[in-house]
Amino acid sequence: MSDDRSEIFSRIKGALEPLPERTPLPDYARDLPLCTVHPDFPNAWELFAHKSKQVNGTPLKGLAELAKWLIADGQTHGYCDPALVDKVRALPEFNGITLETEFDRTRFDDFTFGITKAAGVIAETGTLILKDQSTSSRLGALAPWVHAAIVDEADVYPDVRTAIENFGDDPSIIWATGPSKTADVEGILIEGVHGPGIQIVCLDA
């Protein structure tokens, strides 16, 4: 499977190489409408947490709170971004939690959670932003039932407009608003089908 996958992506890359530079992103008007139907909050993170809960997301503040949540839910073995693992392991709250820094696709059932870096979040909509350049393992973020994205306070964007302005040059960007959802079978909403069933966003505070 991995050889077939490599072959497919190699052909795609070869087909794109002779093309000129990517088409620039369109200009977005600064007066785009914003969602303002919500209570007032003291900062963008508190608004994000409010919006995230409305779409069944799980916002947490601080890595220690993440550890407590994982242990309480019985999630004690998972993947962690190598860039985060030393900081995470240094916390006494993570005692009893086993972390691996490589996501072995042949053992995907062994990983009950994945901890990766978030590129940002959008307070206006409760949306998580994941980018190729900052996501250490796409499988680590999308395959386990529980995904915990760690976000810096500087990357909490107030609205969609600001998030778009900070796209940068990343080739692939995912916006996830709460857990994975689908309702294309008889209009019944089901969570956790195409990705995590529990989406945590943890503010690295």
Protein backbone atom coordinates (compact mmCIF):
# COMPACT_ATOMS: atom_id res chain seq x y z
CA MET A 1 0.00 0.00 0.00
CA SER A 2 2.77 2.44 0.92
CA ASP A 3 4.51 1.79 -2.42
CA ASP A 4 1.29 2.47 -4.33
CA ARG A 5 0.74 5.63 -2.30
CA SER A 6 4.28 6.83 -2.99
CA GLU A 7 3.85 6.15 -6.68
CA ILE A 8 0.60 8.13 -6.85
CA PHE A 9 2.04 11.16 -5.06
CA SER A 10 5.23 10.96 -7.13
CA ARG A 11 3.19 11.20 -10.32
CA ILE A 12 1.16 14.10 -8.95
CA LYS A 13 4.34 15.95 -7.98
CA GLY A 14 5.85 15.30 -11.41
CA ALA A 15 2.74 16.64 -13.13
CA LEU A 16 2.79 19.83 -11.06
CA GLU A 17 6.50 20.64 -11.38
CA PRO A 18 6.36 22.19 -14.89
CA LEU A 19 3.41 24.41 -13.98
CA PRO A 20 3.97 28.09 -13.16
CA GLU A 21 3.61 29.40 -9.62
CA ARG A 22 0.40 28.73 -7.79
CA THR A 23 -2.46 31.09 -8.40
CA PRO A 24 -2.44 33.73 -5.65
CA LEU A 25 -5.28 33.73 -3.16
CA PRO A 26 -8.06 36.22 -3.95
CA ASP A 27 -8.31 39.44 -2.03
CA TYR A 28 -10.91 39.32 0.72
CA ALA A 29 -12.77 42.49 1.56
CA ARG A 30 -12.22 43.79 5.07
CA ASP A 31 -15.94 44.47 5.40
CA LEU A 32 -17.01 40.83 5.08
CA PRO A 33 -19.85 40.05 7.48
CA LEU A 34 -18.84 38.58 10.83
CA CYS A 35 -20.83 36.38 13.21
CA THR A 36 -21.63 38.54 16.22
CA VAL A 37 -24.60 36.64 17.65
CA HIS A 38 -22.98 35.51 20.87
CA PRO A 39 -22.41 36.80 24.42
CA ASP A 40 -19.51 39.12 25.12
CA PHE A 41 -16.30 37.46 26.27
CA PRO A 42 -13.12 38.95 27.73
CA ASN A 43 -10.87 37.53 25.02
CA ALA A 44 -10.82 35.53 21.78
CA TRP A 45 -10.00 32.22 23.51
CA GLU A 46 -13.09 32.39 25.73
CA LEU A 47 -15.25 33.08 22.67
CA PHE A 48 -13.61 30.15 20.86
CA ALA A 49 -14.28 27.87 23.83
CA HIS A 50 -17.96 28.92 23.81
CA LYS A 51 -18.33 28.31 20.08
CA SER A 52 -16.40 25.03 20.22
CA LYS A 53 -18.75 23.62 22.86
CA GLN A 54 -21.73 24.53 20.66
CA VAL A 55 -20.44 22.12 17.98
CA ASN A 56 -19.52 19.37 20.49
CA GLY A 57 -15.84 20.32 20.61
CA THR A 58 -13.82 20.04 23.82
CA PRO A 59 -11.80 23.18 24.64
CA LEU A 60 -9.25 22.87 27.45
CA LYS A 61 -6.91 25.43 28.95
CA GLY A 62 -3.43 24.15 29.77
CA LEU A 63 -1.63 20.87 29.12
CA ALA A 64 -2.24 19.73 32.70
CA GLU A 65 -5.99 19.88 32.03
CA LEU A 66 -5.46 17.79 28.91
CA ALA A 67 -3.66 15.11 30.93
CA LYS A 68 -6.45 15.04 33.52
CA TRP A 69 -9.06 14.68 30.75
CA LEU A 70 -7.18 11.81 29.06
CA ILE A 71 -6.75 9.87 32.30
CA ALA A 72 -10.37 10.42 33.35
CA ASP A 73 -11.53 9.12 29.96
CA GLY A 74 -9.19 6.13 30.08
CA GLN A 75 -7.04 7.31 27.17
CA THR A 76 -3.52 6.38 28.28
CA HIS A 77 -1.62 5.45 25.12
CA GLY A 78 -1.26 7.67 22.09
CA TYR A 79 0.77 9.62 19.59
CA CYS A 80 2.46 12.94 20.37
CA ASP A 81 4.17 15.42 18.06
CA PRO A 82 7.95 15.03 18.62
CA ALA A 83 8.23 18.81 19.00
CA LEU A 84 5.80 18.72 21.93
CA VAL A 85 6.67 15.46 23.63
CA ASP A 86 9.42 16.70 25.98
CA LYS A 87 7.23 19.50 27.28
CA VAL A 88 4.31 17.14 27.71
CA ARG A 89 6.30 14.39 29.45
CA ALA A 90 7.79 16.90 31.89
CA LEU A 91 4.37 17.49 33.45
CA PRO A 92 3.63 15.24 36.43
CA GLU A 93 -0.01 15.05 35.33
CA PHE A 94 1.13 12.91 32.35
CA ASN A 95 2.50 10.16 34.61
CA GLY A 96 0.76 6.95 33.59
CA ILE A 97 0.23 8.10 30.00
CA THR A 98 2.40 6.45 27.33
CA LEU A 99 3.39 8.62 24.37
CA GLU A 100 4.88 7.53 21.06
CA THR A 101 6.42 9.98 18.59
CA GLU A 102 5.88 7.85 15.47
CA PHE A 103 2.43 6.87 14.25
CA ASP A 104 2.73 3.32 12.98
CA ARG A 105 -0.12 2.83 10.53
CA THR A 106 0.07 -0.96 10.99
CA ARG A 107 -0.85 -0.46 14.67
CA PHE A 108 -3.40 2.30 14.36
CA ASP A 109 -5.77 0.60 16.82
CA ASP A 110 -3.10 0.93 19.54
CA PHE A 111 -3.33 4.73 19.52
CA THR A 112 -6.30 5.91 21.55
CA PHE A 113 -5.41 9.57 21.04
CA GLY A 114 -3.17 11.86 19.01
CA ILE A 115 -1.58 15.12 20.15
CA THR A 116 -0.48 17.47 17.39
CA LYS A 117 0.22 21.16 16.89
CA ALA A 118 -2.61 23.41 15.74
CA ALA A 119 -1.87 26.10 13.18
CA GLY A 120 -4.58 28.21 14.77
CA VAL A 121 -8.21 28.42 15.81
CA ILE A 122 -11.05 30.75 14.83
CA ALA A 123 -12.99 32.24 17.73
CA GLU A 124 -15.91 33.37 15.55
CA THR A 125 -16.84 29.82 14.53
CA GLY A 126 -15.09 27.49 17.02
CA THR A 127 -12.93 26.14 14.19
CA LEU A 128 -9.55 24.38 14.41
CA ILE A 129 -6.94 25.02 11.69
CA LEU A 130 -4.46 22.30 10.72
CA LYS A 131 -1.68 22.83 8.17
CA ASP A 132 0.71 20.38 6.52
CA GLN A 133 3.74 22.40 7.57
CA SER A 134 2.89 22.30 11.28
CA THR A 135 1.10 18.94 11.58
CA SER A 136 3.75 16.34 12.38
CA SER A 137 1.53 13.40 11.39
CA ARG A 138 -1.72 13.65 9.46
CA LEU A 139 -2.64 10.14 10.62
CA GLY A 140 -1.82 11.09 14.19
CA ALA A 141 -4.34 13.91 13.92
CA LEU A 142 -7.12 12.13 12.05
CA ALA A 143 -6.97 8.38 12.79
CA PRO A 144 -7.36 8.14 16.61
CA TRP A 145 -10.82 8.55 18.14
CA VAL A 146 -9.47 11.42 20.29
CA HIS A 147 -7.44 14.24 18.74
CA ALA A 148 -5.93 16.96 20.91
CA ALA A 149 -4.64 19.99 19.02
CA ILE A 150 -2.32 22.28 20.97
CA VAL A 151 -2.69 25.96 20.10
CA ASP A 152 -0.63 28.99 21.12
CA GLU A 153 -2.53 32.04 22.33
CA ALA A 154 -1.00 34.10 19.50
CA ASP A 155 -2.72 31.79 16.98
CA VAL A 156 -6.26 32.35 18.28
CA TYR A 157 -7.79 34.36 15.43
CA PRO A 158 -10.87 36.45 16.20
CA ASP A 159 -12.71 35.72 12.95
CA VAL A 160 -12.68 33.88 9.61
CA ARG A 161 -11.42 36.95 7.77
CA THR A 162 -8.28 37.16 9.92
CA ALA A 163 -7.67 33.42 9.59
CA ILE A 164 -7.80 33.67 5.79
CA GLU A 165 -5.30 36.51 5.85
CA ASN A 166 -2.93 34.20 7.73
CA PHE A 167 -3.14 31.26 5.32
CA GLY A 168 0.51 31.70 4.30
CA ASP A 169 1.89 29.41 1.59
CA ASP A 170 0.94 26.04 3.06
CA PRO A 171 -0.15 23.60 0.32
CA SER A 172 -2.88 21.99 2.41
CA ILE A 173 -5.09 23.50 5.11
CA ILE A 174 -7.87 21.78 7.05
CA TRP A 175 -10.58 23.61 8.95
CA ALA A 176 -12.32 21.36 11.48
CA THR A 177 -15.29 22.67 13.43
CA GLY A 178 -15.82 20.18 16.25
CA PRO A 179 -15.56 16.40 15.79
CA SER A 180 -15.83 14.78 12.36
CA LYS A 181 -19.47 14.78 11.24
CA THR A 182 -21.60 13.45 8.42
CA ALA A 183 -25.34 13.49 7.77
CA ASP A 184 -25.46 12.15 4.21
CA VAL A 185 -27.32 8.94 5.17
CA GLU A 186 -31.02 9.74 5.67
CA GLY A 187 -30.08 13.10 7.16
CA ILE A 188 -28.94 11.52 10.44
CA LEU A 189 -25.98 13.34 12.02
CA ILE A 190 -23.19 10.95 13.02
CA GLU A 191 -19.89 12.03 14.59
CA GLY A 192 -16.51 10.35 14.30
CA VAL A 193 -16.93 8.70 10.90
CA HIS A 194 -14.29 10.44 8.76
CA GLY A 195 -12.03 11.55 11.59
CA PRO A 196 -11.88 12.00 15.35
CA GLY A 197 -15.05 11.44 17.37
CA ILE A 198 -13.69 13.72 20.09
CA GLN A 199 -11.91 16.92 19.02
CA ILE A 200 -9.99 18.63 21.81
CA VAL A 201 -8.34 22.02 21.39
CA CYS A 202 -5.93 22.76 24.23
CA LEU A 203 -4.61 26.27 24.80
CA ASP A 204 -0.92 26.07 25.67
CA ALA A 205 -1.22 28.45 28.59
